[in-house]
Amino acid sequence: MTKSELIEVLSAKFPALTAADVTATAKVLLEAMRNALEDGGRIEIRGFGSFSTVVRPPRIGRNPKTGVSVEVPAKRAIHFKPGLELRERVAKSLCNEPR
């Protein structure tokens, strides 16, 4: 699902809101999530999951084409852990699909 698809779903679910209101709300929500992760915070949405950042230490990698060793610097990466309800719903939906 893309951001524009999310906005369409929200607009259909809440017809009293204008498309501009829904768009602004989605932008504010996503910006708040982005800022929390940039600041090293954690986002927890009950029933959905949690987002956090993890520090990846520096390491020695290899250029796959040449085989030359390359230093890969430390970096922060985003980690998502799905909540129990989401895991169960996804597992259940996969079991109901025809093969």
PDB file of N, CA and C in Angstrom:
ATOM      1  N   MET A   1       0.839  -1.171   0.000  1.00  0.00           N
ATOM      2  CA  MET A   1       0.000   0.000   0.000  1.00  0.00           C
ATOM      3  C   MET A   1       0.883   1.232   0.000  1.00  0.00           C
ATOM      4  N   THR A   2       0.579   2.153  -0.875  1.00  0.00           N
ATOM      5  CA  THR A   2       1.326   3.403  -0.940  1.00  0.00           C
ATOM      6  C   THR A   2       0.629   4.462  -0.092  1.00  0.00           C
ATOM      7  N   LYS A   3       1.309   5.586   0.094  1.00  0.00           N
ATOM      8  CA  LYS A   3       0.735   6.675   0.872  1.00  0.00           C
ATOM      9  C   LYS A   3      -0.556   7.178   0.224  1.00  0.00           C
ATOM     10  N   SER A   4      -0.575   7.293  -1.092  1.00  0.00           N
ATOM     11  CA  SER A   4      -1.780   7.771  -1.769  1.00  0.00           C
ATOM     12  C   SER A   4      -2.926   6.765  -1.633  1.00  0.00           C
ATOM     13  N   GLU A   5      -2.616   5.472  -1.645  1.00  0.00           N
ATOM     14  CA  GLU A   5      -3.661   4.460  -1.433  1.00  0.00           C
ATOM     15  C   GLU A   5      -4.208   4.531  -0.009  1.00  0.00           C
ATOM     16  N   LEU A   6      -3.339   4.779   0.954  1.00  0.00           N
ATOM     17  CA  LEU A   6      -3.773   4.942   2.340  1.00  0.00           C
ATOM     18  C   LEU A   6      -4.716   6.135   2.456  1.00  0.00           C
ATOM     19  N   ILE A   7      -4.372   7.227   1.812  1.00  0.00           N
ATOM     20  CA  ILE A   7      -5.212   8.426   1.839  1.00  0.00           C
ATOM     21  C   ILE A   7      -6.573   8.136   1.205  1.00  0.00           C
ATOM     22  N   GLU A   8      -6.600   7.382   0.120  1.00  0.00           N
ATOM     23  CA  GLU A   8      -7.867   7.013  -0.516  1.00  0.00           C
ATOM     24  C   GLU A   8      -8.738   6.182   0.413  1.00  0.00           C
ATOM     25  N   VAL A   9      -8.134   5.210   1.100  1.00  0.00           N
ATOM     26  CA  VAL A   9      -8.884   4.357   2.032  1.00  0.00           C
ATOM     27  C   VAL A   9      -9.446   5.193   3.173  1.00  0.00           C
ATOM     28  N   LEU A  10      -8.630   6.086   3.730  1.00  0.00           N
ATOM     29  CA  LEU A  10      -9.094   6.934   4.826  1.00  0.00           C
ATOM     30  C   LEU A  10     -10.200   7.884   4.367  1.00  0.00           C
ATOM     31  N   SER A  11     -10.073   8.428   3.173  1.00  0.00           N
ATOM     32  CA  SER A  11     -11.102   9.321   2.634  1.00  0.00           C
ATOM     33  C   SER A  11     -12.428   8.582   2.459  1.00  0.00           C
ATOM     34  N   ALA A  12     -12.358   7.330   1.989  1.00  0.00           N
ATOM     35  CA  ALA A  12     -13.579   6.538   1.814  1.00  0.00           C
ATOM     36  C   ALA A  12     -14.197   6.173   3.163  1.00  0.00           C
ATOM     37  N   LYS A  13     -13.366   5.918   4.163  1.00  0.00           N
ATOM     38  CA  LYS A  13     -13.858   5.512   5.479  1.00  0.00           C
ATOM     39  C   LYS A  13     -14.437   6.691   6.262  1.00  0.00           C
ATOM     40  N   PHE A  14     -13.909   7.889   6.019  1.00  0.00           N
ATOM     41  CA  PHE A  14     -14.363   9.087   6.724  1.00  0.00           C
ATOM     42  C   PHE A  14     -14.813  10.142   5.717  1.00  0.00           C
ATOM     43  N   PRO A  15     -16.007   9.980   5.140  1.00  0.00           N
ATOM     44  CA  PRO A  15     -16.466  10.897   4.093  1.00  0.00           C
ATOM     45  C   PRO A  15     -16.703  12.329   4.588  1.00  0.00           C
ATOM     46  N   ALA A  16     -16.837  12.522   5.898  1.00  0.00           N
ATOM     47  CA  ALA A  16     -17.040  13.870   6.431  1.00  0.00           C
ATOM     48  C   ALA A  16     -15.779  14.723   6.311  1.00  0.00           C
ATOM     49  N   LEU A  17     -14.636  14.078   6.197  1.00  0.00           N
ATOM     50  CA  LEU A  17     -13.366  14.808   6.061  1.00  0.00           C
ATOM     51  C   LEU A  17     -13.066  15.061   4.593  1.00  0.00           C
ATOM     52  N   THR A  18     -12.487  16.206   4.324  1.00  0.00           N
ATOM     53  CA  THR A  18     -12.090  16.501   2.947  1.00  0.00           C
ATOM     54  C   THR A  18     -10.810  15.746   2.623  1.00  0.00           C
ATOM     55  N   ALA A  19     -10.538  15.609   1.338  1.00  0.00           N
ATOM     56  CA  ALA A  19      -9.309  14.927   0.908  1.00  0.00           C
ATOM     57  C   ALA A  19      -8.082  15.675   1.418  1.00  0.00           C
ATOM     58  N   ALA A  20      -8.174  17.001   1.474  1.00  0.00           N
ATOM     59  CA  ALA A  20      -7.053  17.804   1.970  1.00  0.00           C
ATOM     60  C   ALA A  20      -6.809  17.536   3.449  1.00  0.00           C
ATOM     61  N   ASP A  21      -7.897  17.383   4.232  1.00  0.00           N
ATOM     62  CA  ASP A  21      -7.749  17.085   5.665  1.00  0.00           C
ATOM     63  C   ASP A  21      -7.098  15.723   5.881  1.00  0.00           C
ATOM     64  N   VAL A  22      -7.532  14.743   5.112  1.00  0.00           N
ATOM     65  CA  VAL A  22      -6.978  13.391   5.235  1.00  0.00           C
ATOM     66  C   VAL A  22      -5.505  13.397   4.827  1.00  0.00           C
ATOM     67  N   THR A  23      -5.183  14.084   3.755  1.00  0.00           N
ATOM     68  CA  THR A  23      -3.788  14.169   3.292  1.00  0.00           C
ATOM     69  C   THR A  23      -2.914  14.830   4.349  1.00  0.00           C
ATOM     70  N   ALA A  24      -3.395  15.941   4.912  1.00  0.00           N
ATOM     71  CA  ALA A  24      -2.627  16.653   5.939  1.00  0.00           C
ATOM     72  C   ALA A  24      -2.434  15.774   7.174  1.00  0.00           C
ATOM     73  N   THR A  25      -3.468  15.052   7.562  1.00  0.00           N
ATOM     74  CA  THR A  25      -3.382  14.172   8.728  1.00  0.00           C
ATOM     75  C   THR A  25      -2.359  13.063   8.501  1.00  0.00           C
ATOM     76  N   ALA A  26      -2.399  12.452   7.329  1.00  0.00           N
ATOM     77  CA  ALA A  26      -1.442  11.391   7.016  1.00  0.00           C
ATOM     78  C   ALA A  26      -0.013  11.932   7.026  1.00  0.00           C
ATOM     79  N   LYS A  27       0.169  13.131   6.460  1.00  0.00           N
ATOM     80  CA  LYS A  27       1.510  13.726   6.430  1.00  0.00           C
ATOM     81  C   LYS A  27       2.021  14.012   7.837  1.00  0.00           C
ATOM     82  N   VAL A  28       1.152  14.540   8.703  1.00  0.00           N
ATOM     83  CA  VAL A  28       1.557  14.848  10.080  1.00  0.00           C
ATOM     84  C   VAL A  28       1.910  13.566  10.827  1.00  0.00           C
ATOM     85  N   LEU A  29       1.099  12.529  10.665  1.00  0.00           N
ATOM     86  CA  LEU A  29       1.358  11.255  11.334  1.00  0.00           C
ATOM     87  C   LEU A  29       2.692  10.660  10.893  1.00  0.00           C
ATOM     88  N   LEU A  30       2.924  10.612   9.595  1.00  0.00           N
ATOM     89  CA  LEU A  30       4.169  10.029   9.089  1.00  0.00           C
ATOM     90  C   LEU A  30       5.384  10.878   9.476  1.00  0.00           C
ATOM     91  N   GLU A  31       5.223  12.185   9.492  1.00  0.00           N
ATOM     92  CA  GLU A  31       6.331  13.064   9.901  1.00  0.00           C
ATOM     93  C   GLU A  31       6.671  12.851  11.380  1.00  0.00           C
ATOM     94  N   ALA A  32       5.647  12.683  12.221  1.00  0.00           N
ATOM     95  CA  ALA A  32       5.883  12.442  13.643  1.00  0.00           C
ATOM     96  C   ALA A  32       6.615  11.115  13.847  1.00  0.00           C
ATOM     97  N   MET A  33       6.230  10.101  13.082  1.00  0.00           N
ATOM     98  CA  MET A  33       6.913   8.809  13.173  1.00  0.00           C
ATOM     99  C   MET A  33       8.359   8.943  12.710  1.00  0.00           C
ATOM    100  N   ARG A  34       8.572   9.655  11.611  1.00  0.00           N
ATOM    101  CA  ARG A  34       9.918   9.859  11.082  1.00  0.00           C
ATOM    102  C   ARG A  34      10.795  10.582  12.102  1.00  0.00           C
ATOM    103  N   ASN A  35      10.255  11.636  12.724  1.00  0.00           N
ATOM    104  CA  ASN A  35      11.025  12.395  13.711  1.00  0.00           C
ATOM    105  C   ASN A  35      11.376  11.554  14.929  1.00  0.00           C
ATOM    106  N   ALA A  36      10.431  10.729  15.382  1.00  0.00           N
ATOM    107  CA  ALA A  36      10.702   9.879  16.544  1.00  0.00           C
ATOM    108  C   ALA A  36      11.847   8.915  16.254  1.00  0.00           C
ATOM    109  N   LEU A  37      11.852   8.316  15.068  1.00  0.00           N
ATOM    110  CA  LEU A  37      12.923   7.380  14.728  1.00  0.00           C
ATOM    111  C   LEU A  37      14.247   8.096  14.509  1.00  0.00           C
ATOM    112  N   GLU A  38      14.219   9.292  13.925  1.00  0.00           N
ATOM    113  CA  GLU A  38      15.457  10.065  13.746  1.00  0.00           C
ATOM    114  C   GLU A  38      16.093  10.390  15.088  1.00  0.00           C
ATOM    115  N   ASP A  39      15.253  10.660  16.096  1.00  0.00           N
ATOM    116  CA  ASP A  39      15.757  11.012  17.421  1.00  0.00           C
ATOM    117  C   ASP A  39      16.148   9.784  18.244  1.00  0.00           C
ATOM    118  N   GLY A  40      16.056   8.593  17.650  1.00  0.00           N
ATOM    119  CA  GLY A  40      16.435   7.372  18.343  1.00  0.00           C
ATOM    120  C   GLY A  40      15.326   6.802  19.204  1.00  0.00           C
ATOM    121  N   GLY A  41      14.119   7.314  19.039  1.00  0.00           N
ATOM    122  CA  GLY A  41      12.984   6.847  19.835  1.00  0.00           C
ATOM    123  C   GLY A  41      12.409   5.546  19.302  1.00  0.00           C
ATOM    124  N   ARG A  42      11.311   5.158  19.918  1.00  0.00           N
ATOM    125  CA  ARG A  42      10.641   3.909  19.584  1.00  0.00           C
ATOM    126  C   ARG A  42       9.177   4.223  19.353  1.00  0.00           C
ATOM    127  N   ILE A  43       8.577   3.566  18.383  1.00  0.00           N
ATOM    128  CA  ILE A  43       7.160   3.741  18.093  1.00  0.00           C
ATOM    129  C   ILE A  43       6.480   2.405  18.335  1.00  0.00           C
ATOM    130  N   GLU A  44       5.437   2.423  19.156  1.00  0.00           N
ATOM    131  CA  GLU A  44       4.696   1.191  19.424  1.00  0.00           C
ATOM    132  C   GLU A  44       3.225   1.431  19.121  1.00  0.00           C
ATOM    133  N   ILE A  45       2.684   0.622  18.222  1.00  0.00           N
ATOM    134  CA  ILE A  45       1.266   0.694  17.873  1.00  0.00           C
ATOM    135  C   ILE A  45       0.668  -0.651  18.268  1.00  0.00           C
ATOM    136  N   ARG A  46      -0.132  -0.652  19.313  1.00  0.00           N
ATOM    137  CA  ARG A  46      -0.699  -1.895  19.855  1.00  0.00           C
ATOM    138  C   ARG A  46      -1.482  -2.641  18.788  1.00  0.00           C
ATOM    139  N   GLY A  47      -1.251  -3.934  18.691  1.00  0.00           N
ATOM    140  CA  GLY A  47      -1.940  -4.769  17.716  1.00  0.00           C
ATOM    141  C   GLY A  47      -1.300  -4.747  16.341  1.00  0.00           C
ATOM    142  N   PHE A  48      -0.407  -3.792  16.101  1.00  0.00           N
ATOM    143  CA  PHE A  48       0.264  -3.701  14.808  1.00  0.00           C
ATOM    144  C   PHE A  48       1.725  -4.079  14.931  1.00  0.00           C
ATOM    145  N   GLY A  49       2.472  -3.346  15.755  1.00  0.00           N
ATOM    146  CA  GLY A  49       3.884  -3.655  15.943  1.00  0.00           C
ATOM    147  C   GLY A  49       4.651  -2.467  16.466  1.00  0.00           C
ATOM    148  N   SER A  50       5.962  -2.615  16.495  1.00  0.00           N
ATOM    149  CA  SER A  50       6.811  -1.528  16.990  1.00  0.00           C
ATOM    150  C   SER A  50       7.983  -1.307  16.039  1.00  0.00           C
ATOM    151  N   PHE A  51       8.363  -0.042  15.947  1.00  0.00           N
ATOM    152  CA  PHE A  51       9.503   0.376  15.145  1.00  0.00           C
ATOM    153  C   PHE A  51      10.562   0.893  16.108  1.00  0.00           C
ATOM    154  N   SER A  52      11.804   0.557  15.855  1.00  0.00           N
ATOM    155  CA  SER A  52      12.909   1.084  16.641  1.00  0.00           C
ATOM    156  C   SER A  52      14.138   1.149  15.751  1.00  0.00           C
ATOM    157  N   THR A  53      15.175   1.785  16.257  1.00  0.00           N
ATOM    158  CA  THR A  53      16.422   1.831  15.502  1.00  0.00           C
ATOM    159  C   THR A  53      17.454   0.968  16.207  1.00  0.00           C
ATOM    160  N   VAL A  54      18.301   0.352  15.420  1.00  0.00           N
ATOM    161  CA  VAL A  54      19.395  -0.456  15.946  1.00  0.00           C
ATOM    162  C   VAL A  54      20.692   0.049  15.335  1.00  0.00           C
ATOM    163  N   VAL A  55      21.766  -0.050  16.102  1.00  0.00           N
ATOM    164  CA  VAL A  55      23.074   0.394  15.608  1.00  0.00           C
ATOM    165  C   VAL A  55      23.790  -0.810  15.014  1.00  0.00           C
ATOM    166  N   ARG A  56      24.181  -0.673  13.773  1.00  0.00           N
ATOM    167  CA  ARG A  56      24.967  -1.720  13.118  1.00  0.00           C
ATOM    168  C   ARG A  56      26.439  -1.313  13.246  1.00  0.00           C
ATOM    169  N   PRO A  57      27.267  -2.142  13.869  1.00  0.00           N
ATOM    170  CA  PRO A  57      28.672  -1.777  14.070  1.00  0.00           C
ATOM    171  C   PRO A  57      29.440  -1.770  12.748  1.00  0.00           C
ATOM    172  N   PRO A  58      30.587  -1.089  12.741  1.00  0.00           N
ATOM    173  CA  PRO A  58      31.401  -1.116  11.520  1.00  0.00           C
ATOM    174  C   PRO A  58      31.907  -2.531  11.262  1.00  0.00           C
ATOM    175  N   ARG A  59      32.143  -2.830  10.007  1.00  0.00           N
ATOM    176  CA  ARG A  59      32.606  -4.176   9.660  1.00  0.00           C
ATOM    177  C   ARG A  59      33.427  -4.122   8.380  1.00  0.00           C
ATOM    178  N   ILE A  60      34.080  -5.213   8.101  1.00  0.00           N
ATOM    179  CA  ILE A  60      34.830  -5.346   6.856  1.00  0.00           C
ATOM    180  C   ILE A  60      33.964  -6.141   5.881  1.00  0.00           C
ATOM    181  N   GLY A  61      33.669  -5.547   4.734  1.00  0.00           N
ATOM    182  CA  GLY A  61      32.889  -6.219   3.715  1.00  0.00           C
ATOM    183  C   GLY A  61      33.759  -6.502   2.505  1.00  0.00           C
ATOM    184  N   ARG A  62      33.194  -7.092   1.514  1.00  0.00           N
ATOM    185  CA  ARG A  62      33.933  -7.389   0.288  1.00  0.00           C
ATOM    186  C   ARG A  62      33.147  -6.888  -0.912  1.00  0.00           C
ATOM    187  N   ASN A  63      33.883  -6.338  -1.854  1.00  0.00           N
ATOM    188  CA  ASN A  63      33.281  -5.967  -3.124  1.00  0.00           C
ATOM    189  C   ASN A  63      33.042  -7.276  -3.875  1.00  0.00           C
ATOM    190  N   PRO A  64      31.781  -7.623  -4.174  1.00  0.00           N
ATOM    191  CA  PRO A  64      31.517  -8.923  -4.789  1.00  0.00           C
ATOM    192  C   PRO A  64      32.122  -9.078  -6.187  1.00  0.00           C
ATOM    193  N   LYS A  65      32.330  -7.961  -6.861  1.00  0.00           N
ATOM    194  CA  LYS A  65      32.873  -8.045  -8.218  1.00  0.00           C
ATOM    195  C   LYS A  65      34.383  -8.280  -8.217  1.00  0.00           C
ATOM    196  N   THR A  66      35.085  -7.548  -7.338  1.00  0.00           N
ATOM    197  CA  THR A  66      36.547  -7.633  -7.345  1.00  0.00           C
ATOM    198  C   THR A  66      37.121  -8.462  -6.196  1.00  0.00           C
ATOM    199  N   GLY A  67      36.321  -8.650  -5.122  1.00  0.00           N
ATOM    200  CA  GLY A  67      36.812  -9.387  -3.968  1.00  0.00           C
ATOM    201  C   GLY A  67      37.662  -8.551  -3.030  1.00  0.00           C
ATOM    202  N   VAL A  68      37.827  -7.258  -3.316  1.00  0.00           N
ATOM    203  CA  VAL A  68      38.632  -6.364  -2.489  1.00  0.00           C
ATOM    204  C   VAL A  68      37.891  -6.067  -1.183  1.00  0.00           C
ATOM    205  N   SER A  69      38.628  -6.068  -0.052  1.00  0.00           N
ATOM    206  CA  SER A  69      38.037  -5.726   1.240  1.00  0.00           C
ATOM    207  C   SER A  69      37.669  -4.249   1.277  1.00  0.00           C
ATOM    208  N   VAL A  70      36.519  -3.973   1.863  1.00  0.00           N
ATOM    209  CA  VAL A  70      36.014  -2.601   1.968  1.00  0.00           C
ATOM    210  C   VAL A  70      35.533  -2.397   3.394  1.00  0.00           C
ATOM    211  N   GLU A  71      35.875  -1.242   3.991  1.00  0.00           N
ATOM    212  CA  GLU A  71      35.390  -0.920   5.327  1.00  0.00           C
ATOM    213  C   GLU A  71      33.979  -0.360   5.205  1.00  0.00           C
ATOM    214  N   VAL A  72      33.051  -0.994   5.905  1.00  0.00           N
ATOM    215  CA  VAL A  72      31.671  -0.519   5.935  1.00  0.00           C
ATOM    216  C   VAL A  72      31.483   0.199   7.270  1.00  0.00           C
ATOM    217  N   PRO A  73      31.143   1.493   7.245  1.00  0.00           N
ATOM    218  CA  PRO A  73      31.029   2.242   8.500  1.00  0.00           C
ATOM    219  C   PRO A  73      29.810   1.827   9.319  1.00  0.00           C
ATOM    220  N   ALA A  74      29.823   2.207  10.607  1.00  0.00           N
ATOM    221  CA  ALA A  74      28.678   1.959  11.484  1.00  0.00           C
ATOM    222  C   ALA A  74      27.488   2.762  10.972  1.00  0.00           C
ATOM    223  N   LYS A  75      26.291   2.237  11.212  1.00  0.00           N
ATOM    224  CA  LYS A  75      25.094   2.961  10.792  1.00  0.00           C
ATOM    225  C   LYS A  75      23.917   2.562  11.655  1.00  0.00           C
ATOM    226  N   ARG A  76      22.888   3.388  11.624  1.00  0.00           N
ATOM    227  CA  ARG A  76      21.640   3.069  12.316  1.00  0.00           C
ATOM    228  C   ARG A  76      20.659   2.552  11.272  1.00  0.00           C
ATOM    229  N   ALA A  77      19.936   1.505  11.631  1.00  0.00           N
ATOM    230  CA  ALA A  77      18.945   0.918  10.734  1.00  0.00           C
ATOM    231  C   ALA A  77      17.616   0.828  11.474  1.00  0.00           C
ATOM    232  N   ILE A  78      16.538   0.776  10.724  1.00  0.00           N
ATOM    233  CA  ILE A  78      15.207   0.671  11.308  1.00  0.00           C
ATOM    234  C   ILE A  78      14.846  -0.802  11.444  1.00  0.00           C
ATOM    235  N   HIS A  79      14.281  -1.132  12.600  1.00  0.00           N
ATOM    236  CA  HIS A  79      13.848  -2.506  12.875  1.00  0.00           C
ATOM    237  C   HIS A  79      12.355  -2.477  13.165  1.00  0.00           C
ATOM    238  N   PHE A  80      11.597  -3.375  12.531  1.00  0.00           N
ATOM    239  CA  PHE A  80      10.161  -3.494  12.785  1.00  0.00           C
ATOM    240  C   PHE A  80       9.878  -4.860  13.376  1.00  0.00           C
ATOM    241  N   LYS A  81       9.139  -4.872  14.455  1.00  0.00           N
ATOM    242  CA  LYS A  81       8.728  -6.132  15.065  1.00  0.00           C
ATOM    243  C   LYS A  81       7.206  -6.158  15.063  1.00  0.00           C
ATOM    244  N   PRO A  82       6.610  -7.070  14.300  1.00  0.00           N
ATOM    245  CA  PRO A  82       5.147  -7.111  14.248  1.00  0.00           C
ATOM    246  C   PRO A  82       4.547  -7.550  15.575  1.00  0.00           C
ATOM    247  N   GLY A  83       3.361  -7.008  15.875  1.00  0.00           N
ATOM    248  CA  GLY A  83       2.652  -7.376  17.087  1.00  0.00           C
ATOM    249  C   GLY A  83       1.973  -8.735  16.921  1.00  0.00           C
ATOM    250  N   LEU A  84       1.540  -9.284  18.030  1.00  0.00           N
ATOM    251  CA  LEU A  84       0.919 -10.608  18.030  1.00  0.00           C
ATOM    252  C   LEU A  84      -0.317 -10.650  17.137  1.00  0.00           C
ATOM    253  N   GLU A  85      -1.180  -9.640  17.243  1.00  0.00           N
ATOM    254  CA  GLU A  85      -2.414  -9.625  16.439  1.00  0.00           C
ATOM    255  C   GLU A  85      -2.101  -9.596  14.947  1.00  0.00           C
ATOM    256  N   LEU A  86      -1.136  -8.794  14.545  1.00  0.00           N
ATOM    257  CA  LEU A  86      -0.755  -8.725  13.132  1.00  0.00           C
ATOM    258  C   LEU A  86      -0.179 -10.057  12.660  1.00  0.00           C
ATOM    259  N   ARG A  87       0.697 -10.650  13.452  1.00  0.00           N
ATOM    260  CA  ARG A  87       1.275 -11.945  13.079  1.00  0.00           C
ATOM    261  C   ARG A  87       0.189 -13.002  12.905  1.00  0.00           C
ATOM    262  N   GLU A  88      -0.765 -13.025  13.840  1.00  0.00           N
ATOM    263  CA  GLU A  88      -1.844 -14.010  13.755  1.00  0.00           C
ATOM    264  C   GLU A  88      -2.730 -13.785  12.535  1.00  0.00           C
ATOM    265  N   ARG A  89      -3.051 -12.524  12.238  1.00  0.00           N
ATOM    266  CA  ARG A  89      -3.917 -12.228  11.088  1.00  0.00           C
ATOM    267  C   ARG A  89      -3.235 -12.570   9.775  1.00  0.00           C
ATOM    268  N   VAL A  90      -1.945 -12.286   9.682  1.00  0.00           N
ATOM    269  CA  VAL A  90      -1.211 -12.618   8.460  1.00  0.00           C
ATOM    270  C   VAL A  90      -1.125 -14.129   8.296  1.00  0.00           C
ATOM    271  N   ALA A  91      -0.820 -14.830   9.372  1.00  0.00           N
ATOM    272  CA  ALA A  91      -0.725 -16.292   9.308  1.00  0.00           C
ATOM    273  C   ALA A  91      -2.077 -16.894   8.922  1.00  0.00           C
ATOM    274  N   LYS A  92      -3.152 -16.369   9.488  1.00  0.00           N
ATOM    275  CA  LYS A  92      -4.486 -16.877   9.194  1.00  0.00           C
ATOM    276  C   LYS A  92      -4.869 -16.592   7.743  1.00  0.00           C
ATOM    277  N   SER A  93      -4.517 -15.413   7.237  1.00  0.00           N
ATOM    278  CA  SER A  93      -4.874 -15.070   5.855  1.00  0.00           C
ATOM    279  C   SER A  93      -4.107 -15.932   4.864  1.00  0.00           C
ATOM    280  N   LEU A  94      -2.890 -16.327   5.204  1.00  0.00           N
ATOM    281  CA  LEU A  94      -2.114 -17.180   4.315  1.00  0.00           C
ATOM    282  C   LEU A  94      -2.680 -18.589   4.272  1.00  0.00           C
ATOM    283  N   CYS A  95      -3.249 -19.032   5.375  1.00  0.00           N
ATOM    284  CA  CYS A  95      -3.812 -20.390   5.411  1.00  0.00           C
ATOM    285  C   CYS A  95      -5.107 -20.476   4.615  1.00  0.00           C
ATOM    286  N   ASN A  96      -5.804 -19.359   4.445  1.00  0.00           N
ATOM    287  CA  ASN A  96      -7.091 -19.363   3.746  1.00  0.00           C
ATOM    288  C   ASN A  96      -6.966 -19.144   2.246  1.00  0.00           C
ATOM    289  N   GLU A  97      -5.777 -18.827   1.748  1.00  0.00           N
ATOM    290  CA  GLU A  97      -5.597 -18.590   0.322  1.00  0.00           C
ATOM    291  C   GLU A  97      -5.555 -19.915  -0.446  1.00  0.00           C
ATOM    292  N   PRO A  98      -6.223 -19.964  -1.603  1.00  0.00           N
ATOM    293  CA  PRO A  98      -6.115 -21.183  -2.420  1.00  0.00           C
ATOM    294  C   PRO A  98      -4.736 -21.280  -3.060  1.00  0.00           C
ATOM    295  N   ARG A  99      -4.268 -22.480  -3.270  1.00  0.00           N
ATOM    296  CA  ARG A  99      -2.927 -22.659  -3.851  1.00  0.00           C
ATOM    297  C   ARG A  99      -3.021 -22.927  -5.307  1.00  0.00           C
TER     298      ARG A  99
END
